């Protein structure tokens, strides 16, 4: 049997050409080691994120609060969000831990140390306007 162009003389040569070449991968050069462990890098990055959030004064919404906003068809304007952040900052200055922050007709329970809105409601929807488990209130 004649093989065209006399490229391969055995099945082993075919395997070598087609099977072994597909297994070769290019090695990416290692980055120089910084001497930090994974735990060190993780702690460093976490601290950077906390500092960035603190400097921006941004607040987060818990899953519960986000669901309440969606269920009650409440959409915050940029101005309302800024006033909520300002109310959270003022509550923090006064040493409040769990605060009621009222912005227009919207009421928010905010965990001040974590800068997290725990729940949100429209005051027209609440019965009796009674708020529990707070140690301060800010009306914006």
N, C-alpha and C. Protein backbone atom coordinates (compact mmCIF):
# COMPACT_ATOMS: atom_id res chain seq x y z
N UNK A 1 0.84 -1.17 0.00
CA UNK A 1 0.00 0.00 0.00
C UNK A 1 0.87 1.23 0.00
N UNK A 2 0.55 2.14 -0.86
CA UNK A 2 1.31 3.36 -1.00
C UNK A 2 0.63 4.50 -0.23
N UNK A 3 1.37 5.19 0.63
CA UNK A 3 0.84 6.35 1.35
C UNK A 3 1.26 7.58 0.57
N UNK A 4 0.29 8.45 0.29
CA UNK A 4 0.64 9.63 -0.51
C UNK A 4 1.71 10.48 0.18
N UNK A 5 2.64 10.96 -0.58
CA UNK A 5 3.73 11.84 -0.14
C UNK A 5 4.60 11.21 0.93
N UNK A 6 4.43 9.96 1.21
CA UNK A 6 5.25 9.24 2.20
C UNK A 6 5.31 10.00 3.53
N UNK A 7 4.18 10.51 3.99
CA UNK A 7 4.15 11.27 5.23
C UNK A 7 4.26 10.37 6.46
N UNK A 8 3.54 9.26 6.48
CA UNK A 8 3.50 8.40 7.65
C UNK A 8 3.85 6.97 7.25
N UNK A 9 4.64 6.32 8.08
CA UNK A 9 5.02 4.94 7.82
C UNK A 9 4.32 3.99 8.77
N UNK A 10 3.72 4.51 9.86
CA UNK A 10 3.05 3.62 10.80
C UNK A 10 1.89 4.35 11.48
N UNK A 11 1.04 3.58 12.11
CA UNK A 11 -0.09 4.15 12.85
C UNK A 11 0.43 4.98 14.03
N UNK A 12 1.55 4.61 14.59
CA UNK A 12 2.13 5.35 15.71
C UNK A 12 2.49 6.77 15.28
N UNK A 13 2.96 6.93 14.06
CA UNK A 13 3.29 8.26 13.56
C UNK A 13 2.03 9.11 13.38
N UNK A 14 0.95 8.49 12.95
CA UNK A 14 -0.32 9.20 12.81
C UNK A 14 -0.81 9.66 14.18
N UNK A 15 -0.74 8.74 15.15
CA UNK A 15 -1.15 9.09 16.52
C UNK A 15 -0.30 10.23 17.06
N UNK A 16 0.99 10.14 16.84
CA UNK A 16 1.90 11.17 17.32
C UNK A 16 1.55 12.53 16.71
N UNK A 17 1.27 12.54 15.42
CA UNK A 17 0.99 13.79 14.72
C UNK A 17 -0.32 14.42 15.16
N UNK A 18 -1.38 13.60 15.25
CA UNK A 18 -2.71 14.17 15.47
C UNK A 18 -3.20 14.12 16.91
N UNK A 19 -2.84 13.10 17.62
CA UNK A 19 -3.35 12.99 18.99
C UNK A 19 -2.48 13.74 20.00
N UNK A 20 -1.20 13.61 19.91
CA UNK A 20 -0.33 14.25 20.90
C UNK A 20 -0.26 15.76 20.72
N UNK A 21 -0.40 16.25 19.51
CA UNK A 21 -0.37 17.70 19.30
C UNK A 21 -1.56 18.38 19.94
N UNK A 22 -2.72 17.71 19.96
CA UNK A 22 -3.90 18.34 20.55
C UNK A 22 -3.80 18.43 22.06
N UNK A 23 -2.94 17.60 22.67
CA UNK A 23 -2.80 17.63 24.13
C UNK A 23 -1.83 18.70 24.60
N UNK A 24 -1.04 19.22 23.69
CA UNK A 24 -0.06 20.23 24.08
C UNK A 24 -0.78 21.53 24.41
N UNK A 25 -0.41 22.12 25.49
CA UNK A 25 -0.97 23.42 25.86
C UNK A 25 0.16 24.39 26.07
N UNK A 26 -0.13 25.62 25.85
CA UNK A 26 0.89 26.63 26.07
C UNK A 26 0.91 26.99 27.54
N UNK A 27 2.06 27.09 28.08
CA UNK A 27 2.22 27.44 29.48
C UNK A 27 2.24 28.95 29.63
N UNK A 28 1.44 29.45 30.55
CA UNK A 28 1.41 30.88 30.84
C UNK A 28 2.51 31.14 31.87
N UNK A 29 3.35 32.11 31.61
CA UNK A 29 4.42 32.39 32.57
C UNK A 29 3.86 32.78 33.93
N UNK A 30 4.49 32.29 34.97
CA UNK A 30 4.06 32.62 36.33
C UNK A 30 4.32 34.08 36.61
N UNK A 31 3.40 34.68 37.38
CA UNK A 31 3.61 36.04 37.85
C UNK A 31 4.60 35.98 39.01
N UNK A 32 5.36 37.01 39.19
CA UNK A 32 6.28 37.01 40.32
C UNK A 32 5.50 36.95 41.63
N UNK A 33 5.98 36.17 42.54
CA UNK A 33 5.31 35.99 43.83
C UNK A 33 5.45 37.25 44.69
N UNK A 34 4.34 37.63 45.35
CA UNK A 34 4.38 38.80 46.21
C UNK A 34 4.63 38.40 47.66
N UNK A 35 4.62 37.10 47.92
CA UNK A 35 4.84 36.64 49.29
C UNK A 35 3.58 36.68 50.13
N UNK A 36 2.43 37.05 49.55
CA UNK A 36 1.18 37.11 50.29
C UNK A 36 0.41 35.81 50.12
N UNK A 37 -0.25 35.39 51.17
CA UNK A 37 -1.10 34.21 51.08
C UNK A 37 -2.45 34.61 50.51
N UNK A 38 -3.23 33.63 50.13
CA UNK A 38 -4.57 33.90 49.63
C UNK A 38 -5.38 34.64 50.68
N UNK A 39 -5.25 34.23 51.93
CA UNK A 39 -5.99 34.88 53.02
C UNK A 39 -5.59 36.35 53.16
N UNK A 40 -4.31 36.65 53.01
CA UNK A 40 -3.84 38.04 53.08
C UNK A 40 -4.45 38.89 51.96
N UNK A 41 -4.45 38.34 50.74
CA UNK A 41 -4.99 39.07 49.59
C UNK A 41 -6.49 39.27 49.77
N UNK A 42 -7.20 38.24 50.24
CA UNK A 42 -8.64 38.34 50.45
C UNK A 42 -8.95 39.41 51.50
N UNK A 43 -8.22 39.42 52.60
CA UNK A 43 -8.44 40.43 53.64
C UNK A 43 -8.15 41.83 53.12
N UNK A 44 -7.10 41.96 52.33
CA UNK A 44 -6.74 43.26 51.76
C UNK A 44 -7.82 43.77 50.82
N UNK A 45 -8.33 42.91 49.94
CA UNK A 45 -9.36 43.31 48.99
C UNK A 45 -10.67 43.63 49.71
N UNK A 46 -11.01 42.87 50.74
CA UNK A 46 -12.23 43.14 51.51
C UNK A 46 -12.14 44.49 52.20
N UNK A 47 -10.99 44.79 52.76
CA UNK A 47 -10.80 46.07 53.44
C UNK A 47 -10.91 47.23 52.44
N UNK A 48 -10.39 47.04 51.22
CA UNK A 48 -10.50 48.07 50.19
C UNK A 48 -11.96 48.33 49.82
N UNK A 49 -12.74 47.27 49.72
CA UNK A 49 -14.16 47.42 49.39
C UNK A 49 -14.91 48.15 50.49
N UNK A 50 -14.60 47.84 51.75
CA UNK A 50 -15.26 48.50 52.87
C UNK A 50 -14.91 49.99 52.87
N UNK A 51 -13.62 50.31 52.65
CA UNK A 51 -13.21 51.71 52.60
C UNK A 51 -13.90 52.45 51.46
N UNK A 52 -14.01 51.79 50.30
CA UNK A 52 -14.66 52.42 49.14
C UNK A 52 -16.13 52.68 49.44
N UNK A 53 -16.80 51.73 50.07
CA UNK A 53 -18.22 51.91 50.40
C UNK A 53 -18.39 53.00 51.44
N UNK A 54 -17.49 53.04 52.43
CA UNK A 54 -17.58 54.08 53.46
C UNK A 54 -17.34 55.46 52.87
N UNK A 55 -16.36 55.56 51.98
CA UNK A 55 -16.06 56.88 51.43
C UNK A 55 -17.18 57.36 50.50
N UNK A 56 -17.83 56.43 49.84
CA UNK A 56 -18.92 56.82 48.94
C UNK A 56 -20.20 57.09 49.72
N UNK A 57 -20.27 56.61 50.96
CA UNK A 57 -21.46 56.80 51.77
C UNK A 57 -22.64 56.01 51.24
N UNK A 58 -22.36 55.02 50.42
CA UNK A 58 -23.45 54.27 49.81
C UNK A 58 -24.09 53.32 50.80
N UNK A 59 -25.36 53.08 50.57
CA UNK A 59 -26.09 52.14 51.40
C UNK A 59 -26.50 50.96 50.54
N UNK A 60 -26.74 49.84 51.22
CA UNK A 60 -27.16 48.63 50.53
C UNK A 60 -28.60 48.34 50.92
N UNK A 61 -29.26 47.54 50.12
CA UNK A 61 -30.61 47.10 50.42
C UNK A 61 -30.56 45.59 50.63
N UNK A 62 -31.09 45.14 51.78
CA UNK A 62 -31.17 43.71 52.02
C UNK A 62 -32.12 43.09 51.00
N UNK A 63 -32.05 41.78 50.89
CA UNK A 63 -32.95 41.09 49.97
C UNK A 63 -34.41 41.36 50.36
N UNK A 64 -34.68 41.35 51.65
CA UNK A 64 -36.03 41.61 52.15
C UNK A 64 -36.50 43.02 51.74
N UNK A 65 -35.64 44.00 51.94
CA UNK A 65 -36.00 45.38 51.59
C UNK A 65 -36.22 45.52 50.08
N UNK A 66 -35.36 44.91 49.28
CA UNK A 66 -35.51 44.97 47.83
C UNK A 66 -36.83 44.33 47.41
N UNK A 67 -37.18 43.22 48.04
CA UNK A 67 -38.46 42.58 47.74
C UNK A 67 -39.64 43.47 48.13
N UNK A 68 -39.53 44.15 49.27
CA UNK A 68 -40.61 45.04 49.73
C UNK A 68 -40.80 46.21 48.74
N UNK A 69 -39.69 46.76 48.28
CA UNK A 69 -39.78 47.85 47.31
C UNK A 69 -40.47 47.38 46.03
N UNK A 70 -40.10 46.20 45.59
CA UNK A 70 -40.68 45.66 44.37
C UNK A 70 -42.16 45.31 44.58
N UNK A 71 -42.49 44.64 45.68
CA UNK A 71 -43.87 44.25 45.97
C UNK A 71 -44.79 45.46 46.09
N UNK A 72 -44.27 46.54 46.64
CA UNK A 72 -45.09 47.73 46.89
C UNK A 72 -44.96 48.77 45.77
N UNK A 73 -44.30 48.37 44.69
CA UNK A 73 -44.11 49.26 43.53
C UNK A 73 -43.51 50.61 43.92
N UNK A 74 -42.50 50.57 44.77
CA UNK A 74 -41.82 51.79 45.21
C UNK A 74 -40.54 51.93 44.40
N UNK A 75 -40.40 53.06 43.73
CA UNK A 75 -39.17 53.36 43.00
C UNK A 75 -38.59 54.65 43.57
N UNK A 76 -37.35 54.57 44.00
CA UNK A 76 -36.67 55.74 44.57
C UNK A 76 -36.09 56.61 43.46
N UNK A 77 -36.28 57.90 43.59
CA UNK A 77 -35.62 58.83 42.68
C UNK A 77 -34.19 59.03 43.18
N UNK A 78 -33.35 59.60 42.36
CA UNK A 78 -31.97 59.88 42.77
C UNK A 78 -31.96 60.80 43.99
N UNK A 79 -32.87 61.79 43.99
CA UNK A 79 -32.94 62.72 45.11
C UNK A 79 -33.34 62.00 46.39
N UNK A 80 -34.31 61.11 46.31
CA UNK A 80 -34.74 60.37 47.50
C UNK A 80 -33.62 59.47 48.01
N UNK A 81 -32.90 58.83 47.11
CA UNK A 81 -31.79 57.97 47.50
C UNK A 81 -30.69 58.78 48.19
N UNK A 82 -30.40 59.96 47.66
CA UNK A 82 -29.40 60.83 48.29
C UNK A 82 -29.84 61.24 49.70
N UNK A 83 -31.12 61.57 49.85
CA UNK A 83 -31.64 61.96 51.16
C UNK A 83 -31.64 60.78 52.13
N UNK A 84 -31.90 59.57 51.64
CA UNK A 84 -31.82 58.37 52.47
C UNK A 84 -30.38 58.16 52.95
N UNK A 85 -29.42 58.34 52.06
CA UNK A 85 -28.01 58.22 52.43
C UNK A 85 -27.62 59.30 53.44
N UNK A 86 -28.11 60.50 53.24
CA UNK A 86 -27.82 61.60 54.17
C UNK A 86 -28.43 61.31 55.54
N UNK A 87 -29.65 60.80 55.55
CA UNK A 87 -30.29 60.43 56.82
C UNK A 87 -29.53 59.33 57.54
N UNK A 88 -29.01 58.38 56.77
CA UNK A 88 -28.20 57.30 57.35
C UNK A 88 -26.92 57.87 57.95
N UNK A 89 -26.29 58.81 57.25
CA UNK A 89 -25.07 59.44 57.76
C UNK A 89 -25.34 60.20 59.06
N UNK A 90 -26.46 60.95 59.09
CA UNK A 90 -26.81 61.71 60.30
C UNK A 90 -27.10 60.78 61.47
N UNK A 91 -27.79 59.67 61.21
CA UNK A 91 -28.07 58.70 62.27
C UNK A 91 -26.77 58.11 62.82
N UNK A 92 -25.83 57.86 61.93
CA UNK A 92 -24.53 57.32 62.34
C UNK A 92 -23.80 58.32 63.24
N UNK A 93 -23.85 59.61 62.89
CA UNK A 93 -23.20 60.65 63.69
C UNK A 93 -23.78 60.72 65.10
N UNK A 94 -25.06 60.40 65.24
CA UNK A 94 -25.72 60.45 66.56
C UNK A 94 -25.60 59.14 67.32
N UNK A 95 -24.94 58.13 66.73
CA UNK A 95 -24.73 56.87 67.42
C UNK A 95 -25.93 55.93 67.39
N UNK A 96 -26.83 56.14 66.47
CA UNK A 96 -28.01 55.27 66.34
C UNK A 96 -27.59 53.98 65.64
N UNK A 97 -28.15 52.86 66.12
CA UNK A 97 -27.85 51.56 65.50
C UNK A 97 -28.92 51.12 64.51
N UNK A 98 -30.18 51.18 64.92
CA UNK A 98 -31.31 50.82 64.07
C UNK A 98 -32.18 52.06 63.96
N UNK A 99 -32.28 52.63 62.77
CA UNK A 99 -32.96 53.90 62.62
C UNK A 99 -34.13 53.80 61.67
N UNK A 100 -35.16 54.58 61.99
CA UNK A 100 -36.24 54.82 61.05
C UNK A 100 -35.84 56.08 60.28
N UNK A 101 -35.76 55.98 58.97
CA UNK A 101 -35.45 57.14 58.14
C UNK A 101 -36.67 57.37 57.25
N UNK A 102 -37.26 58.56 57.40
CA UNK A 102 -38.44 58.89 56.61
C UNK A 102 -38.04 59.88 55.52
N UNK A 103 -38.33 59.51 54.28
CA UNK A 103 -38.06 60.34 53.12
C UNK A 103 -39.38 60.47 52.36
N UNK A 104 -39.91 61.69 52.32
CA UNK A 104 -41.23 61.94 51.72
C UNK A 104 -42.26 61.03 52.40
N UNK A 105 -42.98 60.22 51.66
CA UNK A 105 -43.96 59.31 52.24
C UNK A 105 -43.42 57.89 52.40
N UNK A 106 -42.09 57.74 52.32
CA UNK A 106 -41.46 56.43 52.41
C UNK A 106 -40.75 56.28 53.74
N UNK A 107 -40.91 55.11 54.35
CA UNK A 107 -40.27 54.83 55.63
C UNK A 107 -39.29 53.67 55.45
N UNK A 108 -38.09 53.83 55.97
CA UNK A 108 -37.05 52.82 55.85
C UNK A 108 -36.50 52.50 57.23
N UNK A 109 -36.34 51.22 57.53
CA UNK A 109 -35.62 50.81 58.73
C UNK A 109 -34.21 50.48 58.25
N UNK A 110 -33.22 51.18 58.83
CA UNK A 110 -31.84 51.04 58.36
C UNK A 110 -30.95 50.57 59.51
N UNK A 111 -30.16 49.52 59.24
CA UNK A 111 -29.13 49.10 60.17
C UNK A 111 -27.94 50.02 59.88
N UNK A 112 -27.69 50.93 60.81
CA UNK A 112 -26.71 52.00 60.56
C UNK A 112 -25.28 51.49 60.49
N UNK A 113 -24.81 50.62 61.43
CA UNK A 113 -23.42 50.18 61.32
C UNK A 113 -23.11 49.48 59.99
N UNK A 114 -24.07 48.74 59.46
CA UNK A 114 -23.86 48.03 58.19
C UNK A 114 -24.29 48.83 56.98
N UNK A 115 -24.90 50.01 57.21
CA UNK A 115 -25.44 50.84 56.13
C UNK A 115 -26.33 50.02 55.22
N UNK A 116 -27.25 49.27 55.84
CA UNK A 116 -28.14 48.38 55.10
C UNK A 116 -29.58 48.69 55.42
N UNK A 117 -30.38 48.93 54.38
CA UNK A 117 -31.82 49.10 54.56
C UNK A 117 -32.40 47.71 54.80
N UNK A 118 -33.05 47.57 55.96
CA UNK A 118 -33.58 46.27 56.36
C UNK A 118 -34.98 46.06 55.78
N UNK A 119 -35.79 47.10 55.81
CA UNK A 119 -37.13 47.02 55.22
C UNK A 119 -37.56 48.41 54.76
N UNK A 120 -38.52 48.43 53.87
CA UNK A 120 -39.00 49.69 53.31
C UNK A 120 -40.51 49.60 53.14
N UNK A 121 -41.17 50.75 53.36
CA UNK A 121 -42.61 50.77 53.20
C UNK A 121 -43.09 52.17 52.86
N UNK A 122 -44.24 52.24 52.27
CA UNK A 122 -44.92 53.50 52.00
C UNK A 122 -45.77 53.78 53.22
N UNK A 123 -45.68 54.96 53.81
CA UNK A 123 -46.41 55.26 55.05
C UNK A 123 -47.91 55.14 54.87
N UNK A 124 -48.41 55.32 53.68
CA UNK A 124 -49.86 55.21 53.47
C UNK A 124 -50.31 53.76 53.57
N UNK A 125 -49.37 52.80 53.40
CA UNK A 125 -49.71 51.39 53.48
C UNK A 125 -49.63 50.82 54.89
N UNK A 126 -48.92 51.50 55.78
CA UNK A 126 -48.70 50.94 57.11
C UNK A 126 -49.93 51.17 57.99
N UNK A 127 -50.21 50.19 58.80
CA UNK A 127 -51.30 50.31 59.75
C UNK A 127 -50.77 50.92 61.03
N UNK A 128 -51.44 51.88 61.58
CA UNK A 128 -51.14 52.50 62.87
C UNK A 128 -49.83 53.26 62.92
N UNK A 129 -49.01 53.23 61.85
CA UNK A 129 -47.72 53.92 61.85
C UNK A 129 -46.89 53.61 63.09
N UNK A 130 -46.78 52.34 63.44
CA UNK A 130 -45.98 51.90 64.58
C UNK A 130 -44.73 51.21 64.04
N UNK A 131 -43.57 51.67 64.54
CA UNK A 131 -42.29 51.11 64.12
C UNK A 131 -41.59 50.60 65.36
N UNK A 132 -41.15 49.35 65.33
CA UNK A 132 -40.51 48.74 66.50
C UNK A 132 -39.04 48.41 66.18
N UNK A 133 -38.31 48.09 67.23
CA UNK A 133 -36.92 47.67 67.14
C UNK A 133 -36.02 48.74 66.52
N UNK A 134 -36.29 49.99 66.85
CA UNK A 134 -35.43 51.08 66.41
C UNK A 134 -34.96 51.84 67.65
N UNK A 135 -33.85 52.53 67.54
CA UNK A 135 -33.38 53.36 68.65
C UNK A 135 -33.19 54.82 68.23
N UNK A 136 -33.79 55.17 67.10
CA UNK A 136 -33.75 56.56 66.67
C UNK A 136 -34.49 56.73 65.36
N UNK A 137 -34.81 57.96 65.04
CA UNK A 137 -35.52 58.27 63.80
C UNK A 137 -34.94 59.54 63.19
N UNK A 138 -34.91 59.56 61.85
CA UNK A 138 -34.44 60.72 61.11
C UNK A 138 -35.52 61.02 60.06
N UNK A 139 -35.97 62.26 60.06
CA UNK A 139 -36.97 62.68 59.08
C UNK A 139 -36.30 63.61 58.11
N UNK A 140 -36.28 63.24 56.85
CA UNK A 140 -35.58 64.02 55.82
C UNK A 140 -36.58 64.77 54.98
